[in-house]
């Protein structure tokens, strides 16, 4: 099933379920808020693992490697105030905003970690870690970071950047290991910047560097 038809199928199924929930009073069924406009590559992050895309008020947190475990995170008024304060401190320049994004990712890690157990997570976790229930792989961090960035963008908290498409690297011929990351695009320079929390342990600042530099690393 192609991306467009798969997306339509999932959206239709969600719509039917939510209409039934409203009709019969099944208020315990969780339905997504107004959808954020996504690129095809961004949408694919969610449709490929059958989860809701983020909204201005909630996101699905993926963990356990390739989103085998998941948790809905609803942003409380206190959460939104905290993120507004963090991003507000970075409005003077693109560099300041990228530093604020790093702090927002640390905030996210500390906010969700004690709830789902990823406060025990380690850097560069994958199947070889033998501890999926406490860790993110790079696909989990790509989804989670992109989701948080899209939420910030939807709420008007990103002044100098827009959320780009996730980016992959991994060339066997060069012995480069496969890896994936979220991306921000500087509005003024059009430079793409990765926001990569997979390479860092719990509550450490994620890597934020030019995509052109990241793509050459192993």
N, C-alpha and C. Protein backbone atom coordinates (compact mmCIF):
# COMPACT_ATOMS: atom_id res chain seq x y z
N UNK A 1 0.85 -1.19 0.00
CA UNK A 1 0.00 0.00 0.00
C UNK A 1 0.88 1.24 0.00
N UNK A 2 0.69 2.14 -0.92
CA UNK A 2 1.51 3.33 -1.04
C UNK A 2 1.27 4.29 0.11
N UNK A 3 2.15 5.28 0.22
CA UNK A 3 2.08 6.22 1.33
C UNK A 3 0.78 6.98 1.33
N UNK A 4 0.34 7.46 0.15
CA UNK A 4 -0.87 8.27 0.10
C UNK A 4 -2.09 7.44 0.47
N UNK A 5 -2.21 6.24 -0.12
CA UNK A 5 -3.38 5.41 0.18
C UNK A 5 -3.34 4.92 1.61
N UNK A 6 -2.15 4.60 2.11
CA UNK A 6 -2.04 4.14 3.51
C UNK A 6 -2.45 5.27 4.45
N UNK A 7 -1.98 6.47 4.16
CA UNK A 7 -2.33 7.61 4.99
C UNK A 7 -3.82 7.86 4.98
N UNK A 8 -4.44 7.76 3.80
CA UNK A 8 -5.87 7.99 3.69
C UNK A 8 -6.62 6.92 4.47
N UNK A 9 -6.16 5.68 4.37
CA UNK A 9 -6.83 4.59 5.09
C UNK A 9 -6.78 4.82 6.59
N UNK A 10 -5.59 5.19 7.09
CA UNK A 10 -5.45 5.42 8.53
C UNK A 10 -6.30 6.60 8.97
N UNK A 11 -6.27 7.69 8.18
CA UNK A 11 -7.05 8.88 8.54
C UNK A 11 -8.54 8.57 8.56
N UNK A 12 -8.99 7.79 7.59
CA UNK A 12 -10.40 7.43 7.53
C UNK A 12 -10.79 6.58 8.72
N UNK A 13 -9.92 5.63 9.05
CA UNK A 13 -10.21 4.76 10.20
C UNK A 13 -10.29 5.56 11.48
N UNK A 14 -9.37 6.51 11.65
CA UNK A 14 -9.38 7.36 12.84
C UNK A 14 -10.64 8.19 12.89
N UNK A 15 -11.02 8.76 11.73
CA UNK A 15 -12.21 9.59 11.68
C UNK A 15 -13.46 8.80 12.06
N UNK A 16 -13.59 7.58 11.52
CA UNK A 16 -14.74 6.74 11.84
C UNK A 16 -14.77 6.43 13.32
N UNK A 17 -13.61 6.06 13.88
CA UNK A 17 -13.56 5.71 15.29
C UNK A 17 -13.96 6.89 16.16
N UNK A 18 -13.47 8.08 15.80
CA UNK A 18 -13.76 9.26 16.62
C UNK A 18 -15.22 9.69 16.48
N UNK A 19 -15.80 9.52 15.29
CA UNK A 19 -17.22 9.82 15.12
C UNK A 19 -18.09 8.88 15.95
N UNK A 20 -17.71 7.60 15.96
CA UNK A 20 -18.44 6.63 16.78
C UNK A 20 -18.30 6.97 18.26
N UNK A 21 -17.09 7.38 18.64
CA UNK A 21 -16.86 7.74 20.04
C UNK A 21 -17.78 8.88 20.44
N UNK A 22 -17.89 9.88 19.58
CA UNK A 22 -18.75 11.02 19.90
C UNK A 22 -20.21 10.62 19.92
N UNK A 23 -20.61 9.77 18.97
CA UNK A 23 -22.01 9.38 18.86
C UNK A 23 -22.48 8.56 20.05
N UNK A 24 -21.62 7.69 20.54
CA UNK A 24 -22.02 6.77 21.60
C UNK A 24 -21.48 7.15 22.98
N UNK A 25 -20.78 8.27 23.03
CA UNK A 25 -20.30 8.72 24.34
C UNK A 25 -19.12 7.95 24.86
N UNK A 26 -18.30 7.39 23.94
CA UNK A 26 -17.13 6.64 24.39
C UNK A 26 -15.98 7.63 24.61
N UNK A 27 -16.05 8.40 25.67
CA UNK A 27 -15.10 9.48 25.86
C UNK A 27 -13.72 8.97 26.27
N UNK A 28 -13.64 7.70 26.60
CA UNK A 28 -12.34 7.17 26.95
C UNK A 28 -11.48 6.91 25.73
N UNK A 29 -12.07 6.94 24.53
CA UNK A 29 -11.28 6.76 23.32
C UNK A 29 -10.51 8.03 23.03
N UNK A 30 -9.21 7.91 22.83
CA UNK A 30 -8.36 9.07 22.58
C UNK A 30 -8.36 9.41 21.11
N UNK A 31 -8.80 10.61 20.75
CA UNK A 31 -8.82 11.06 19.38
C UNK A 31 -7.87 12.24 19.22
N UNK A 32 -7.20 12.34 18.06
CA UNK A 32 -6.22 13.39 17.88
C UNK A 32 -6.85 14.76 17.79
N UNK A 33 -6.09 15.77 18.23
CA UNK A 33 -6.54 17.14 18.05
C UNK A 33 -6.34 17.53 16.59
N UNK A 34 -6.65 18.78 16.26
CA UNK A 34 -6.51 19.23 14.89
C UNK A 34 -5.12 18.89 14.37
N UNK A 35 -5.07 18.28 13.20
CA UNK A 35 -3.81 17.78 12.66
C UNK A 35 -2.89 18.91 12.24
N UNK A 36 -1.61 18.69 12.39
CA UNK A 36 -0.58 19.60 11.91
C UNK A 36 -0.30 19.26 10.45
N UNK A 37 -0.12 20.26 9.62
CA UNK A 37 0.22 20.00 8.22
C UNK A 37 1.63 19.43 8.14
N UNK A 38 1.77 18.29 7.47
CA UNK A 38 3.04 17.57 7.41
C UNK A 38 3.50 17.38 5.98
N UNK A 39 4.81 17.26 5.80
CA UNK A 39 5.33 16.80 4.52
C UNK A 39 5.12 15.29 4.43
N UNK A 40 5.31 14.75 3.24
CA UNK A 40 5.14 13.30 3.07
C UNK A 40 6.13 12.53 3.94
N UNK A 41 7.38 13.02 4.02
CA UNK A 41 8.40 12.33 4.81
C UNK A 41 8.07 12.39 6.30
N UNK A 42 7.58 13.53 6.77
CA UNK A 42 7.18 13.64 8.17
C UNK A 42 6.00 12.73 8.46
N UNK A 43 5.01 12.74 7.59
CA UNK A 43 3.84 11.89 7.80
C UNK A 43 4.23 10.43 7.86
N UNK A 44 5.20 10.04 7.04
CA UNK A 44 5.64 8.66 7.04
C UNK A 44 6.20 8.18 8.36
N UNK A 45 6.74 9.10 9.17
CA UNK A 45 7.22 8.71 10.49
C UNK A 45 6.11 8.11 11.34
N UNK A 46 4.88 8.56 11.12
CA UNK A 46 3.75 8.16 11.95
C UNK A 46 2.92 7.04 11.31
N UNK A 47 2.69 7.15 10.02
CA UNK A 47 1.87 6.12 9.37
C UNK A 47 2.56 4.77 9.35
N UNK A 48 3.89 4.75 9.26
CA UNK A 48 4.60 3.47 9.18
C UNK A 48 4.53 2.68 10.47
N UNK A 49 4.26 3.33 11.59
CA UNK A 49 4.10 2.60 12.85
C UNK A 49 2.69 2.78 13.43
N UNK A 50 1.78 3.32 12.61
CA UNK A 50 0.35 3.43 12.96
C UNK A 50 0.12 4.19 14.26
N UNK A 51 0.70 5.38 14.34
CA UNK A 51 0.45 6.25 15.50
C UNK A 51 -0.08 7.59 15.01
N UNK A 52 -0.72 8.33 15.92
CA UNK A 52 -1.19 9.66 15.60
C UNK A 52 0.00 10.60 15.40
N UNK A 53 -0.12 11.49 14.43
CA UNK A 53 0.84 12.58 14.30
C UNK A 53 0.65 13.54 15.47
N UNK A 54 1.65 14.34 15.80
CA UNK A 54 1.52 15.26 16.93
C UNK A 54 0.53 16.38 16.63
N UNK A 55 0.07 17.02 17.68
CA UNK A 55 -0.77 18.20 17.57
C UNK A 55 -0.16 19.29 18.46
N UNK A 56 -0.83 20.40 18.59
CA UNK A 56 -0.35 21.47 19.47
C UNK A 56 -0.50 21.11 20.94
N UNK A 57 -1.23 20.01 21.23
CA UNK A 57 -1.51 19.67 22.63
C UNK A 57 -1.05 18.27 23.04
N UNK A 58 -0.64 17.43 22.10
CA UNK A 58 -0.24 16.07 22.47
C UNK A 58 0.68 15.46 21.42
N UNK A 59 1.36 14.41 21.82
CA UNK A 59 2.20 13.63 20.90
C UNK A 59 2.31 12.21 21.43
N UNK A 60 2.62 11.29 20.54
CA UNK A 60 2.92 9.92 20.93
C UNK A 60 4.42 9.80 21.14
N UNK A 61 4.82 9.35 22.31
CA UNK A 61 6.23 9.11 22.60
C UNK A 61 6.55 7.66 22.27
N UNK A 62 7.52 7.47 21.39
CA UNK A 62 7.94 6.13 20.99
C UNK A 62 9.17 5.71 21.80
N UNK A 63 9.19 4.45 22.21
CA UNK A 63 10.39 3.88 22.83
C UNK A 63 10.34 2.38 22.63
N UNK A 64 11.34 1.67 23.14
CA UNK A 64 11.35 0.22 22.98
C UNK A 64 11.84 -0.26 21.64
N UNK A 65 12.40 0.65 20.82
CA UNK A 65 12.98 0.36 19.52
C UNK A 65 11.91 0.24 18.43
N UNK A 66 11.96 1.15 17.50
CA UNK A 66 11.02 1.27 16.37
C UNK A 66 9.59 1.38 16.89
N UNK A 67 9.42 2.10 17.98
CA UNK A 67 8.09 2.43 18.53
C UNK A 67 7.29 1.19 18.94
N UNK A 68 7.98 0.15 19.40
CA UNK A 68 7.26 -1.04 19.87
C UNK A 68 6.53 -0.75 21.18
N UNK A 69 7.01 0.24 21.92
CA UNK A 69 6.32 0.73 23.10
C UNK A 69 5.98 2.19 22.86
N UNK A 70 4.86 2.64 23.42
CA UNK A 70 4.44 4.02 23.15
C UNK A 70 3.60 4.56 24.29
N UNK A 71 3.62 5.87 24.41
CA UNK A 71 2.90 6.55 25.48
C UNK A 71 2.37 7.88 24.93
N UNK A 72 1.10 8.18 25.18
CA UNK A 72 0.56 9.47 24.78
C UNK A 72 0.97 10.52 25.80
N UNK A 73 1.58 11.59 25.33
CA UNK A 73 1.97 12.70 26.19
C UNK A 73 1.07 13.88 25.88
N UNK A 74 0.21 14.23 26.85
CA UNK A 74 -0.65 15.40 26.73
C UNK A 74 0.04 16.57 27.42
N UNK A 75 0.25 17.65 26.68
CA UNK A 75 0.95 18.80 27.23
C UNK A 75 0.01 19.61 28.12
N UNK A 76 0.34 19.70 29.40
CA UNK A 76 -0.46 20.44 30.35
C UNK A 76 -0.18 21.94 30.19
N UNK A 77 -1.01 22.80 30.77
CA UNK A 77 -0.70 24.23 30.75
C UNK A 77 0.69 24.53 31.32
N UNK A 78 1.09 23.79 32.36
CA UNK A 78 2.43 24.00 32.93
C UNK A 78 3.51 23.59 31.94
N UNK A 79 3.28 22.49 31.21
CA UNK A 79 4.24 22.07 30.19
C UNK A 79 4.39 23.14 29.12
N UNK A 80 3.26 23.65 28.65
CA UNK A 80 3.30 24.64 27.58
C UNK A 80 3.98 25.93 28.06
N UNK A 81 3.74 26.30 29.31
CA UNK A 81 4.39 27.49 29.86
C UNK A 81 5.90 27.29 29.96
N UNK A 82 6.31 26.09 30.37
CA UNK A 82 7.74 25.80 30.50
C UNK A 82 8.43 25.87 29.14
N UNK A 83 7.80 25.29 28.12
CA UNK A 83 8.39 25.31 26.79
C UNK A 83 8.40 26.71 26.20
N UNK A 84 7.36 27.47 26.45
CA UNK A 84 7.32 28.86 25.98
C UNK A 84 8.46 29.66 26.59
N UNK A 85 8.72 29.44 27.86
CA UNK A 85 9.81 30.15 28.54
C UNK A 85 11.17 29.75 27.96
N UNK A 86 11.35 28.45 27.74
CA UNK A 86 12.61 27.95 27.20
C UNK A 86 12.86 28.52 25.81
N UNK A 87 11.87 28.44 24.94
CA UNK A 87 12.06 28.92 23.57
C UNK A 87 12.08 30.44 23.51
N UNK A 88 11.39 31.09 24.44
CA UNK A 88 11.40 32.55 24.47
C UNK A 88 12.79 33.11 24.68
N UNK A 89 13.62 32.36 25.38
CA UNK A 89 14.98 32.82 25.65
C UNK A 89 15.88 32.72 24.42
N UNK A 90 15.37 32.11 23.34
CA UNK A 90 16.20 31.93 22.15
C UNK A 90 15.76 32.71 20.94
N UNK A 91 14.98 33.75 21.15
CA UNK A 91 14.41 34.46 20.00
C UNK A 91 15.34 35.49 19.38
N UNK A 92 16.50 35.72 19.96
CA UNK A 92 17.38 36.77 19.46
C UNK A 92 18.11 36.40 18.18
N UNK A 93 18.33 35.10 17.94
CA UNK A 93 19.08 34.67 16.75
C UNK A 93 18.84 33.19 16.49
N UNK A 94 19.27 32.74 15.31
CA UNK A 94 19.16 31.32 15.00
C UNK A 94 19.98 30.47 15.95
N UNK A 95 21.19 30.92 16.25
CA UNK A 95 22.05 30.17 17.17
C UNK A 95 21.43 30.08 18.55
N UNK A 96 20.84 31.16 19.02
CA UNK A 96 20.20 31.16 20.34
C UNK A 96 18.99 30.23 20.34
N UNK A 97 18.26 30.19 19.23
CA UNK A 97 17.10 29.31 19.17
C UNK A 97 17.52 27.85 19.15
N UNK A 98 18.61 27.54 18.47
CA UNK A 98 19.08 26.16 18.47
C UNK A 98 19.52 25.74 19.88
N UNK A 99 20.14 26.65 20.61
CA UNK A 99 20.51 26.35 22.00
C UNK A 99 19.26 26.14 22.85
N UNK A 100 18.21 26.92 22.57
CA UNK A 100 16.95 26.75 23.30
C UNK A 100 16.30 25.42 22.96
N UNK A 101 16.42 25.00 21.70
CA UNK A 101 15.88 23.69 21.31
C UNK A 101 16.59 22.58 22.07
N UNK A 102 17.89 22.69 22.24
CA UNK A 102 18.62 21.70 23.05
C UNK A 102 18.02 21.62 24.45
N UNK A 103 17.76 22.78 25.04
CA UNK A 103 17.19 22.81 26.39
C UNK A 103 15.77 22.23 26.41
N UNK A 104 15.03 22.46 25.33
CA UNK A 104 13.68 21.89 25.25
C UNK A 104 13.73 20.37 25.18
N UNK A 105 14.73 19.83 24.48
CA UNK A 105 14.86 18.38 24.41
C UNK A 105 15.26 17.78 25.76
N UNK A 106 16.11 18.49 26.50
CA UNK A 106 16.45 18.04 27.86
C UNK A 106 15.19 18.07 28.73
N UNK A 107 14.40 19.13 28.59
CA UNK A 107 13.13 19.22 29.33
C UNK A 107 12.25 18.02 29.00
N UNK A 108 12.13 17.70 27.72
CA UNK A 108 11.32 16.56 27.30
C UNK A 108 11.83 15.26 27.93
N UNK A 109 13.13 15.04 27.87
CA UNK A 109 13.73 13.83 28.43
C UNK A 109 13.39 13.69 29.90
N UNK A 110 13.53 14.78 30.64
CA UNK A 110 13.25 14.75 32.09
C UNK A 110 11.76 14.64 32.37
N UNK A 111 10.95 15.18 31.50
CA UNK A 111 9.50 15.15 31.71
C UNK A 111 8.94 13.75 31.50
N UNK A 112 9.39 13.07 30.44
CA UNK A 112 8.79 11.77 30.10
C UNK A 112 9.58 10.60 30.70
N UNK A 113 10.87 10.79 30.96
CA UNK A 113 11.71 9.68 31.41
C UNK A 113 11.21 8.93 32.63
N UNK A 114 10.87 9.63 33.72
CA UNK A 114 10.40 8.93 34.92
C UNK A 114 9.06 8.22 34.70
N UNK A 115 8.30 8.65 33.71
CA UNK A 115 6.98 8.04 33.45
C UNK A 115 7.13 6.72 32.72
N UNK A 116 7.99 6.67 31.71
CA UNK A 116 8.09 5.46 30.89
C UNK A 116 9.36 4.66 31.17
N UNK A 117 10.22 5.17 32.04
CA UNK A 117 11.42 4.43 32.42
C UNK A 117 12.65 4.76 31.60
N UNK A 118 12.55 5.73 30.69
CA UNK A 118 13.72 6.08 29.87
C UNK A 118 14.69 7.00 30.61
N UNK A 119 14.42 7.28 31.87
CA UNK A 119 15.42 7.98 32.68
C UNK A 119 16.63 7.07 32.94
N UNK A 120 16.51 5.83 32.53
CA UNK A 120 17.64 4.88 32.63
C UNK A 120 18.33 4.68 31.29
N UNK A 121 17.93 5.44 30.29
CA UNK A 121 18.43 5.18 28.94
C UNK A 121 19.91 5.55 28.80
N UNK A 122 20.55 4.93 27.80
CA UNK A 122 21.97 5.16 27.52
C UNK A 122 22.12 5.70 26.11
N UNK A 123 23.28 6.25 25.83
CA UNK A 123 23.56 6.76 24.49
C UNK A 123 23.72 5.61 23.50
N UNK A 124 23.33 5.87 22.25
CA UNK A 124 23.55 4.93 21.14
C UNK A 124 22.88 3.57 21.37
N UNK A 125 21.73 3.58 22.02
CA UNK A 125 21.07 2.31 22.33
C UNK A 125 20.49 1.67 21.07
N UNK A 126 20.62 0.36 20.98
CA UNK A 126 19.97 -0.42 19.94
C UNK A 126 19.76 -1.82 20.48
N UNK A 127 19.46 -2.76 19.61
CA UNK A 127 19.13 -4.12 20.05
C UNK A 127 20.26 -4.75 20.86
N UNK A 128 21.48 -4.31 20.60
CA UNK A 128 22.63 -4.86 21.33
C UNK A 128 22.66 -4.44 22.80
N UNK A 129 21.84 -3.45 23.15
CA UNK A 129 21.78 -2.98 24.54
C UNK A 129 21.05 -3.98 25.44
N UNK A 130 20.18 -4.81 24.82
CA UNK A 130 19.39 -5.80 25.57
C UNK A 130 18.54 -5.17 26.66
N UNK A 131 18.01 -3.97 26.38
CA UNK A 131 17.17 -3.28 27.37
C UNK A 131 16.21 -2.35 26.64
N UNK A 132 15.34 -2.93 25.83
CA UNK A 132 14.46 -2.12 25.00
C UNK A 132 13.47 -1.30 25.82
N UNK A 133 13.04 -1.80 26.96
CA UNK A 133 11.98 -1.11 27.70
C UNK A 133 12.44 0.19 28.35
N UNK A 134 13.75 0.42 28.42
CA UNK A 134 14.26 1.65 29.03
C UNK A 134 14.96 2.56 28.02
N UNK A 135 14.86 2.25 26.73
CA UNK A 135 15.69 2.96 25.77
C UNK A 135 14.94 3.39 24.51
N UNK A 136 15.55 4.34 23.81
CA UNK A 136 15.15 4.75 22.48
C UNK A 136 16.21 4.25 21.48
N UNK A 137 15.77 3.79 20.32
CA UNK A 137 16.73 3.66 19.23
C UNK A 137 16.66 4.95 18.41
N UNK A 138 17.42 5.02 17.32
CA UNK A 138 17.46 6.29 16.60
C UNK A 138 16.16 6.59 15.86
N UNK A 139 15.37 5.56 15.55
CA UNK A 139 14.05 5.82 14.95
C UNK A 139 13.10 6.40 15.99
N UNK A 140 13.18 5.91 17.21
CA UNK A 140 12.36 6.49 18.30
C UNK A 140 12.72 7.96 18.52
N UNK A 141 14.02 8.24 18.61
CA UNK A 141 14.42 9.63 18.87
C UNK A 141 14.08 10.54 17.70
N UNK A 142 14.16 10.01 16.48
CA UNK A 142 13.78 10.82 15.32
C UNK A 142 12.30 11.19 15.39
N UNK A 143 11.46 10.20 15.69
CA UNK A 143 10.01 10.47 15.81
C UNK A 143 9.73 11.43 16.96
N UNK A 144 10.31 11.16 18.11
CA UNK A 144 10.01 11.98 19.29
C UNK A 144 10.50 13.41 19.11
N UNK A 145 11.71 13.56 18.60
CA UNK A 145 12.25 14.91 18.40
C UNK A 145 11.44 15.67 17.35
N UNK A 146 11.14 15.01 16.23
CA UNK A 146 10.33 15.66 15.19
C UNK A 146 8.98 16.05 15.75
N UNK A 147 8.37 15.18 16.54
CA UNK A 147 7.06 15.48 17.13
C UNK A 147 7.12 16.70 18.03
N UNK A 148 8.11 16.75 18.91
CA UNK A 148 8.21 17.91 19.81
C UNK A 148 8.47 19.19 19.01
N UNK A 149 9.34 19.10 18.01
CA UNK A 149 9.63 20.29 17.19
C UNK A 149 8.39 20.75 16.43
N UNK A 150 7.61 19.81 15.91
CA UNK A 150 6.38 20.18 15.21
C UNK A 150 5.38 20.83 16.16
N UNK A 151 5.31 20.33 17.40
CA UNK A 151 4.44 20.93 18.39
C UNK A 151 4.88 22.37 18.67
N UNK A 152 6.19 22.57 18.84
CA UNK A 152 6.71 23.92 19.09
C UNK A 152 6.41 24.85 17.91
N UNK A 153 6.58 24.32 16.70
CA UNK A 153 6.29 25.11 15.50
C UNK A 153 4.81 25.47 15.42
N UNK A 154 3.95 24.50 15.72
CA UNK A 154 2.51 24.74 15.66
C UNK A 154 2.08 25.81 16.66
N UNK A 155 2.76 25.89 17.78
CA UNK A 155 2.43 26.87 18.80
C UNK A 155 3.14 28.21 18.58
N UNK A 156 3.85 28.34 17.47
CA UNK A 156 4.50 29.60 17.15
C UNK A 156 5.74 29.89 17.96
N UNK A 157 6.37 28.85 18.49
CA UNK A 157 7.52 29.05 19.37
C UNK A 157 8.86 29.00 18.63
N UNK A 158 8.83 28.64 17.35
CA UNK A 158 10.05 28.65 16.54
C UNK A 158 10.03 29.88 15.65
N UNK A 159 10.94 30.81 15.90
CA UNK A 159 11.02 32.05 15.12
C UNK A 159 11.99 31.93 13.96
N UNK A 160 13.12 31.27 14.18
CA UNK A 160 14.21 31.27 13.20
C UNK A 160 14.32 29.98 12.39
N UNK A 161 13.50 28.99 12.70
CA UNK A 161 13.61 27.70 12.03
C UNK A 161 12.23 27.14 11.67
N UNK A 162 12.23 26.22 10.71
CA UNK A 162 11.08 25.38 10.43
C UNK A 162 11.53 23.93 10.56
N UNK A 163 10.59 23.05 10.82
CA UNK A 163 10.93 21.63 10.96
C UNK A 163 11.11 21.02 9.59
N UNK A 164 12.25 20.40 9.36
CA UNK A 164 12.54 19.76 8.09
C UNK A 164 12.16 18.29 8.08
N UNK A 165 12.49 17.63 6.99
CA UNK A 165 12.26 16.19 6.88
C UNK A 165 13.34 15.43 7.64
N UNK A 166 12.99 14.31 8.24
CA UNK A 166 14.02 13.48 8.90
C UNK A 166 15.05 13.04 7.87
N UNK A 167 16.27 12.81 8.33
CA UNK A 167 17.33 12.44 7.39
C UNK A 167 18.02 11.16 7.83
N UNK A 168 18.39 10.36 6.85
CA UNK A 168 19.02 9.05 7.07
C UNK A 168 20.44 9.07 6.52
N UNK A 169 21.31 8.33 7.19
CA UNK A 169 22.64 8.08 6.64
C UNK A 169 22.97 6.61 6.84
N UNK A 170 23.90 6.11 6.06
CA UNK A 170 24.31 4.72 6.19
C UNK A 170 24.71 4.14 4.86
N UNK A 171 25.99 4.13 4.60
CA UNK A 171 26.51 3.62 3.35
C UNK A 171 27.44 2.46 3.63
N UNK A 172 26.98 1.27 3.35
CA UNK A 172 27.74 0.06 3.68
C UNK A 172 29.09 0.06 3.00
N UNK A 173 29.13 0.59 1.78
CA UNK A 173 30.39 0.58 1.03
C UNK A 173 31.47 1.38 1.75
N UNK A 174 31.07 2.38 2.54
CA UNK A 174 32.02 3.18 3.32
C UNK A 174 32.08 2.75 4.77
N UNK A 175 31.46 1.63 5.10
CA UNK A 175 31.39 1.11 6.46
C UNK A 175 30.71 2.09 7.41
N UNK A 176 29.79 2.88 6.87
CA UNK A 176 29.05 3.84 7.70
C UNK A 176 27.79 3.16 8.23
N UNK A 177 27.63 3.17 9.54
CA UNK A 177 26.49 2.51 10.16
C UNK A 177 25.20 3.30 9.90
N UNK A 178 24.06 2.62 9.79
CA UNK A 178 22.79 3.33 9.56
C UNK A 178 22.37 4.16 10.76
N UNK A 179 21.81 5.31 10.48
CA UNK A 179 21.39 6.22 11.55
C UNK A 179 20.36 7.19 10.99
N UNK A 180 19.50 7.70 11.84
CA UNK A 180 18.44 8.61 11.42
C UNK A 180 18.34 9.75 12.42
N UNK A 181 17.87 10.92 11.96
CA UNK A 181 17.78 12.06 12.86
C UNK A 181 16.68 13.03 12.43
N UNK A 182 16.25 13.85 13.38
CA UNK A 182 15.33 14.95 13.09
C UNK A 182 16.14 16.14 12.57
N UNK A 183 15.46 17.04 11.86
CA UNK A 183 16.14 18.16 11.20
C UNK A 183 15.36 19.46 11.38
N UNK A 184 16.09 20.54 11.62
CA UNK A 184 15.56 21.90 11.58
C UNK A 184 16.19 22.64 10.42
N UNK A 185 15.45 23.55 9.79
CA UNK A 185 15.97 24.36 8.69
C UNK A 185 15.97 25.82 9.12
N UNK A 186 17.13 26.47 9.04
CA UNK A 186 17.25 27.88 9.37
C UNK A 186 16.50 28.70 8.31
N UNK A 187 15.56 29.51 8.73
CA UNK A 187 14.74 30.28 7.78
C UNK A 187 15.58 31.24 6.95
N UNK A 188 16.61 31.84 7.55
CA UNK A 188 17.40 32.87 6.87
C UNK A 188 18.42 32.28 5.91
N UNK A 189 19.16 31.26 6.36
CA UNK A 189 20.26 30.71 5.57
C UNK A 189 19.88 29.46 4.80
N UNK A 190 18.75 28.83 5.17
CA UNK A 190 18.30 27.54 4.61
C UNK A 190 19.25 26.40 4.97
N UNK A 191 20.14 26.63 5.92
CA UNK A 191 21.01 25.56 6.40
C UNK A 191 20.19 24.55 7.19
N UNK A 192 20.44 23.27 6.94
CA UNK A 192 19.76 22.20 7.67
C UNK A 192 20.61 21.81 8.88
N UNK A 193 19.96 21.73 10.03
CA UNK A 193 20.62 21.37 11.29
C UNK A 193 19.98 20.12 11.86
N UNK A 194 20.80 19.15 12.23
CA UNK A 194 20.25 17.95 12.87
C UNK A 194 20.04 18.24 14.35
N UNK A 195 19.04 17.59 14.90
CA UNK A 195 18.80 17.58 16.35
C UNK A 195 18.74 16.11 16.74
N UNK A 196 19.85 15.61 17.27
CA UNK A 196 20.05 14.17 17.43
C UNK A 196 20.29 13.83 18.90
N UNK A 197 19.26 13.31 19.56
CA UNK A 197 19.39 12.95 20.97
C UNK A 197 19.82 11.50 21.18
N UNK A 198 19.84 10.69 20.12
CA UNK A 198 20.17 9.28 20.26
C UNK A 198 21.61 9.09 20.71
N UNK A 199 22.50 9.98 20.31
CA UNK A 199 23.92 9.83 20.64
C UNK A 199 24.26 10.28 22.05
N UNK A 200 23.27 10.74 22.78
CA UNK A 200 23.47 11.23 24.14
C UNK A 200 22.62 10.44 25.13
N UNK A 201 23.11 10.34 26.36
CA UNK A 201 22.37 9.63 27.40
C UNK A 201 21.29 10.53 27.98
N UNK A 202 20.55 9.97 28.91
CA UNK A 202 19.42 10.67 29.54
C UNK A 202 19.80 12.06 30.04
N UNK A 203 18.98 13.06 29.65
CA UNK A 203 19.08 14.45 30.11
C UNK A 203 20.35 15.17 29.67
N UNK A 204 21.07 14.60 28.71
CA UNK A 204 22.21 15.29 28.14
C UNK A 204 21.77 16.09 26.91
N UNK A 205 22.44 17.20 26.60
CA UNK A 205 22.06 17.99 25.43
C UNK A 205 22.22 17.18 24.14
N UNK A 206 21.23 17.21 23.27
CA UNK A 206 21.36 16.49 22.01
C UNK A 206 22.40 17.15 21.11
N UNK A 207 22.92 16.38 20.17
CA UNK A 207 23.79 16.96 19.16
C UNK A 207 22.98 17.90 18.28
N UNK A 208 23.44 19.11 18.09
CA UNK A 208 22.85 20.04 17.14
C UNK A 208 24.00 20.54 16.27
N UNK A 209 23.99 20.13 15.01
CA UNK A 209 25.09 20.45 14.11
C UNK A 209 24.58 20.48 12.68
N UNK A 210 25.33 21.08 11.75
CA UNK A 210 24.88 21.11 10.36
C UNK A 210 24.72 19.69 9.80
N UNK A 211 23.66 19.50 9.05
CA UNK A 211 23.42 18.20 8.42
C UNK A 211 24.59 17.80 7.54
N UNK A 212 25.19 18.75 6.85
CA UNK A 212 26.32 18.45 5.97
C UNK A 212 27.50 17.85 6.74
N UNK A 213 27.64 18.22 8.00
CA UNK A 213 28.69 17.65 8.86
C UNK A 213 28.26 16.29 9.38
N UNK A 214 27.01 16.19 9.85
CA UNK A 214 26.49 14.95 10.42
C UNK A 214 26.50 13.81 9.42
N UNK A 215 26.18 14.11 8.16
CA UNK A 215 26.03 13.06 7.15
C UNK A 215 27.34 12.34 6.85
N UNK A 216 28.47 12.97 7.21
CA UNK A 216 29.77 12.39 6.93
C UNK A 216 30.30 11.55 8.09
N UNK A 217 29.66 11.64 9.23
CA UNK A 217 30.13 10.93 10.41
C UNK A 217 29.75 9.46 10.36
N UNK A 218 30.39 8.68 11.22
CA UNK A 218 30.04 7.26 11.30
C UNK A 218 29.34 6.99 12.62
